[in-house]
Amino acid sequence: MSDPKEFAKRIEEMDEDDRNNFRDIIEKLSHCYVKDAAQAVILYAHIDAPMTEALTINCNDMETYDIIQGALGYFEFLNMRDAPPKENFN
């Protein structure tokens, strides 16, 4: 864990919208720490890092897989909903 003072400084440097978003994320994540309440998978990627890190809360590997598969379907839908019909590609 990072130094608590550095953590507090990062939060202080956020603008109000970012702080509100951060608070909403922490609120949702807190539900994952109540037994059998919720599950979360956080994908953390840093620009300079060669790999993405998966952080899991209240889920095992199979549940993590299911969550990621559901998220993949959601993002495929978002990216394809405005795409032209495949017949237009010929």
N, C-alpha and C. Protein backbone atom coordinates (compact mmCIF):
# COMPACT_ATOMS: atom_id res chain seq x y z
N MET A 1 0.85 -1.18 0.00
CA MET A 1 0.00 0.00 0.00
C MET A 1 0.89 1.23 0.00
N SER A 2 0.45 2.22 -0.68
CA SER A 2 1.22 3.46 -0.73
C SER A 2 1.10 4.22 0.58
N ASP A 3 1.91 5.22 0.70
CA ASP A 3 1.90 6.08 1.88
C ASP A 3 0.53 6.77 1.99
N PRO A 4 -0.11 6.73 3.14
CA PRO A 4 -1.44 7.36 3.30
C PRO A 4 -1.43 8.85 2.95
N LYS A 5 -0.32 9.53 3.21
CA LYS A 5 -0.25 10.96 2.87
C LYS A 5 -0.25 11.16 1.36
N GLU A 6 0.46 10.28 0.63
CA GLU A 6 0.47 10.36 -0.83
C GLU A 6 -0.92 10.06 -1.39
N PHE A 7 -1.59 9.07 -0.80
CA PHE A 7 -2.94 8.72 -1.22
C PHE A 7 -3.88 9.91 -1.02
N ALA A 8 -3.82 10.53 0.15
CA ALA A 8 -4.65 11.71 0.44
C ALA A 8 -4.33 12.85 -0.52
N LYS A 9 -3.06 13.01 -0.84
CA LYS A 9 -2.67 14.09 -1.76
C LYS A 9 -3.25 13.85 -3.15
N ARG A 10 -3.22 12.58 -3.62
CA ARG A 10 -3.80 12.27 -4.94
C ARG A 10 -5.29 12.61 -4.96
N ILE A 11 -5.98 12.29 -3.88
CA ILE A 11 -7.41 12.58 -3.82
C ILE A 11 -7.64 14.09 -3.81
N GLU A 12 -6.85 14.83 -3.05
CA GLU A 12 -6.97 16.29 -3.00
C GLU A 12 -6.72 16.93 -4.36
N GLU A 13 -5.86 16.30 -5.18
CA GLU A 13 -5.53 16.86 -6.48
C GLU A 13 -6.60 16.59 -7.54
N MET A 14 -7.54 15.70 -7.22
CA MET A 14 -8.63 15.40 -8.16
C MET A 14 -9.59 16.58 -8.23
N ASP A 15 -10.19 16.78 -9.42
CA ASP A 15 -11.25 17.78 -9.48
C ASP A 15 -12.52 17.17 -8.89
N GLU A 16 -13.54 17.98 -8.72
CA GLU A 16 -14.76 17.53 -8.03
C GLU A 16 -15.43 16.35 -8.74
N ASP A 17 -15.48 16.37 -10.06
CA ASP A 17 -16.09 15.25 -10.80
C ASP A 17 -15.33 13.95 -10.58
N ASP A 18 -14.00 14.02 -10.62
CA ASP A 18 -13.20 12.82 -10.39
C ASP A 18 -13.37 12.31 -8.96
N ARG A 19 -13.41 13.23 -8.00
CA ARG A 19 -13.61 12.82 -6.60
C ARG A 19 -14.97 12.14 -6.42
N ASN A 20 -16.01 12.68 -7.05
CA ASN A 20 -17.34 12.07 -6.96
C ASN A 20 -17.35 10.70 -7.61
N ASN A 21 -16.69 10.56 -8.76
CA ASN A 21 -16.60 9.27 -9.43
C ASN A 21 -15.84 8.27 -8.57
N PHE A 22 -14.75 8.70 -7.98
CA PHE A 22 -13.94 7.85 -7.11
C PHE A 22 -14.78 7.39 -5.90
N ARG A 23 -15.53 8.31 -5.32
CA ARG A 23 -16.38 7.98 -4.18
C ARG A 23 -17.43 6.94 -4.58
N ASP A 24 -18.02 7.10 -5.77
CA ASP A 24 -19.01 6.13 -6.26
C ASP A 24 -18.39 4.75 -6.45
N ILE A 25 -17.19 4.70 -6.97
CA ILE A 25 -16.50 3.42 -7.17
C ILE A 25 -16.23 2.75 -5.83
N ILE A 26 -15.71 3.51 -4.87
CA ILE A 26 -15.42 2.95 -3.55
C ILE A 26 -16.71 2.47 -2.89
N GLU A 27 -17.80 3.21 -3.04
CA GLU A 27 -19.09 2.80 -2.48
C GLU A 27 -19.52 1.45 -3.05
N LYS A 28 -19.42 1.28 -4.38
CA LYS A 28 -19.79 0.01 -4.99
C LYS A 28 -18.86 -1.12 -4.55
N LEU A 29 -17.57 -0.85 -4.50
CA LEU A 29 -16.62 -1.88 -4.08
C LEU A 29 -16.85 -2.32 -2.64
N SER A 30 -17.30 -1.41 -1.79
CA SER A 30 -17.51 -1.77 -0.39
C SER A 30 -18.56 -2.87 -0.24
N HIS A 31 -19.49 -2.96 -1.18
CA HIS A 31 -20.50 -4.02 -1.14
C HIS A 31 -19.88 -5.39 -1.37
N CYS A 32 -18.74 -5.46 -2.00
CA CYS A 32 -18.08 -6.73 -2.28
C CYS A 32 -17.46 -7.35 -1.03
N TYR A 33 -17.29 -6.58 0.01
CA TYR A 33 -16.65 -7.08 1.22
C TYR A 33 -17.65 -7.57 2.26
N VAL A 34 -18.92 -7.56 1.90
CA VAL A 34 -19.95 -8.16 2.73
C VAL A 34 -20.18 -9.56 2.17
N LYS A 35 -20.16 -10.56 3.01
CA LYS A 35 -20.21 -11.96 2.56
C LYS A 35 -21.36 -12.19 1.57
N ASP A 36 -21.00 -12.74 0.41
CA ASP A 36 -21.95 -13.13 -0.64
C ASP A 36 -22.78 -11.97 -1.19
N ALA A 37 -22.34 -10.75 -0.99
CA ALA A 37 -23.15 -9.61 -1.43
C ALA A 37 -22.91 -9.26 -2.90
N ALA A 38 -21.69 -9.00 -3.27
CA ALA A 38 -21.37 -8.59 -4.64
C ALA A 38 -19.96 -9.06 -4.96
N GLN A 39 -19.65 -9.04 -6.24
CA GLN A 39 -18.32 -9.44 -6.70
C GLN A 39 -17.78 -8.36 -7.63
N ALA A 40 -16.46 -8.30 -7.72
CA ALA A 40 -15.85 -7.32 -8.61
C ALA A 40 -14.56 -7.85 -9.19
N VAL A 41 -14.30 -7.43 -10.41
CA VAL A 41 -13.01 -7.66 -11.06
C VAL A 41 -12.55 -6.29 -11.53
N ILE A 42 -11.40 -5.88 -11.08
CA ILE A 42 -10.84 -4.60 -11.49
C ILE A 42 -9.66 -4.90 -12.41
N LEU A 43 -9.71 -4.37 -13.60
CA LEU A 43 -8.59 -4.50 -14.54
C LEU A 43 -7.77 -3.23 -14.43
N TYR A 44 -6.51 -3.40 -14.07
CA TYR A 44 -5.62 -2.26 -13.84
C TYR A 44 -4.48 -2.35 -14.85
N ALA A 45 -4.36 -1.31 -15.64
CA ALA A 45 -3.29 -1.27 -16.63
C ALA A 45 -2.58 0.07 -16.51
N HIS A 46 -1.28 0.02 -16.52
CA HIS A 46 -0.47 1.24 -16.53
C HIS A 46 0.16 1.35 -17.91
N ILE A 47 0.27 2.54 -18.40
CA ILE A 47 0.77 2.78 -19.76
C ILE A 47 2.10 2.08 -20.00
N ASP A 48 2.99 2.09 -19.01
CA ASP A 48 4.33 1.52 -19.17
C ASP A 48 4.40 0.03 -18.86
N ALA A 49 3.33 -0.55 -18.35
CA ALA A 49 3.35 -1.96 -17.94
C ALA A 49 3.07 -2.87 -19.14
N PRO A 50 3.75 -3.99 -19.23
CA PRO A 50 3.54 -4.89 -20.35
C PRO A 50 2.26 -5.73 -20.23
N MET A 51 1.70 -5.82 -19.03
CA MET A 51 0.51 -6.64 -18.82
C MET A 51 -0.54 -5.89 -18.01
N THR A 52 -1.77 -6.34 -18.15
CA THR A 52 -2.87 -5.83 -17.35
C THR A 52 -3.01 -6.71 -16.12
N GLU A 53 -3.24 -6.09 -14.98
CA GLU A 53 -3.39 -6.83 -13.73
C GLU A 53 -4.89 -6.97 -13.44
N ALA A 54 -5.32 -8.15 -13.02
CA ALA A 54 -6.71 -8.38 -12.63
C ALA A 54 -6.76 -8.50 -11.11
N LEU A 55 -7.53 -7.62 -10.50
CA LEU A 55 -7.73 -7.66 -9.05
C LEU A 55 -9.15 -8.15 -8.83
N THR A 56 -9.31 -9.18 -8.01
CA THR A 56 -10.63 -9.75 -7.78
C THR A 56 -11.06 -9.51 -6.34
N ILE A 57 -12.37 -9.33 -6.18
CA ILE A 57 -12.93 -9.14 -4.85
C ILE A 57 -14.14 -10.07 -4.73
N ASN A 58 -14.07 -10.97 -3.78
CA ASN A 58 -15.18 -11.87 -3.45
C ASN A 58 -15.55 -12.79 -4.61
N CYS A 59 -14.56 -13.23 -5.39
CA CYS A 59 -14.85 -14.18 -6.46
C CYS A 59 -13.63 -15.06 -6.73
N ASN A 60 -13.91 -16.28 -7.15
CA ASN A 60 -12.83 -17.21 -7.50
C ASN A 60 -12.54 -17.10 -8.99
N ASP A 61 -11.63 -17.94 -9.50
CA ASP A 61 -11.22 -17.85 -10.90
C ASP A 61 -12.38 -18.07 -11.87
N MET A 62 -13.23 -19.04 -11.59
CA MET A 62 -14.36 -19.31 -12.50
C MET A 62 -15.37 -18.17 -12.48
N GLU A 63 -15.64 -17.63 -11.32
CA GLU A 63 -16.56 -16.49 -11.23
C GLU A 63 -15.95 -15.27 -11.92
N THR A 64 -14.65 -15.10 -11.77
CA THR A 64 -13.96 -14.01 -12.46
C THR A 64 -14.11 -14.15 -13.97
N TYR A 65 -13.94 -15.36 -14.47
CA TYR A 65 -14.10 -15.63 -15.89
C TYR A 65 -15.51 -15.25 -16.35
N ASP A 66 -16.52 -15.66 -15.60
CA ASP A 66 -17.91 -15.34 -15.96
C ASP A 66 -18.15 -13.83 -15.98
N ILE A 67 -17.60 -13.13 -14.99
CA ILE A 67 -17.75 -11.68 -14.94
C ILE A 67 -17.11 -11.03 -16.15
N ILE A 68 -15.90 -11.47 -16.49
CA ILE A 68 -15.19 -10.89 -17.63
C ILE A 68 -15.91 -11.22 -18.94
N GLN A 69 -16.44 -12.44 -19.07
CA GLN A 69 -17.20 -12.81 -20.27
C GLN A 69 -18.44 -11.91 -20.41
N GLY A 70 -19.12 -11.65 -19.29
CA GLY A 70 -20.28 -10.75 -19.33
C GLY A 70 -19.89 -9.35 -19.74
N ALA A 71 -18.76 -8.88 -19.23
CA ALA A 71 -18.28 -7.54 -19.59
C ALA A 71 -17.90 -7.49 -21.07
N LEU A 72 -17.29 -8.56 -21.56
CA LEU A 72 -16.92 -8.62 -22.98
C LEU A 72 -18.17 -8.50 -23.85
N GLY A 73 -19.21 -9.24 -23.50
CA GLY A 73 -20.46 -9.15 -24.25
C GLY A 73 -21.04 -7.75 -24.23
N TYR A 74 -20.98 -7.10 -23.09
CA TYR A 74 -21.48 -5.73 -22.95
C TYR A 74 -20.70 -4.77 -23.86
N PHE A 75 -19.37 -4.87 -23.86
CA PHE A 75 -18.58 -3.95 -24.67
C PHE A 75 -18.68 -4.28 -26.16
N GLU A 76 -18.86 -5.54 -26.50
CA GLU A 76 -19.11 -5.89 -27.90
C GLU A 76 -20.41 -5.25 -28.36
N PHE A 77 -21.44 -5.31 -27.52
CA PHE A 77 -22.71 -4.67 -27.85
C PHE A 77 -22.52 -3.17 -28.05
N LEU A 78 -21.83 -2.51 -27.12
CA LEU A 78 -21.62 -1.07 -27.24
C LEU A 78 -20.89 -0.70 -28.52
N ASN A 79 -19.88 -1.50 -28.87
CA ASN A 79 -19.08 -1.17 -30.05
C ASN A 79 -19.76 -1.54 -31.36
N MET A 80 -20.70 -2.45 -31.33
CA MET A 80 -21.32 -2.91 -32.57
C MET A 80 -22.72 -2.33 -32.81
N ARG A 81 -23.32 -1.71 -31.81
CA ARG A 81 -24.71 -1.27 -31.97
C ARG A 81 -24.89 -0.24 -33.08
N ASP A 82 -23.89 0.56 -33.36
CA ASP A 82 -24.01 1.56 -34.42
C ASP A 82 -23.31 1.13 -35.71
N ALA A 83 -22.80 -0.10 -35.74
CA ALA A 83 -22.09 -0.58 -36.93
C ALA A 83 -23.09 -0.85 -38.05
N PRO A 84 -22.67 -0.62 -39.29
CA PRO A 84 -23.56 -0.93 -40.42
C PRO A 84 -23.76 -2.43 -40.53
N PRO A 85 -24.84 -2.88 -41.14
CA PRO A 85 -25.06 -4.32 -41.32
C PRO A 85 -23.90 -4.95 -42.10
N LYS A 86 -23.62 -6.22 -41.78
CA LYS A 86 -22.48 -6.89 -42.43
C LYS A 86 -22.66 -6.99 -43.93
N GLU A 87 -23.91 -6.93 -44.41
CA GLU A 87 -24.15 -6.97 -45.86
C GLU A 87 -23.53 -5.77 -46.56
N ASN A 88 -23.33 -4.68 -45.85
CA ASN A 88 -22.76 -3.47 -46.44
C ASN A 88 -21.25 -3.55 -46.61
N PHE A 89 -20.62 -4.61 -46.11
CA PHE A 89 -19.17 -4.73 -46.22
C PHE A 89 -18.72 -5.39 -47.52
N ASN A 90 -19.62 -5.95 -48.28
CA ASN A 90 -19.24 -6.64 -49.53
C ASN A 90 -19.17 -5.71 -50.70
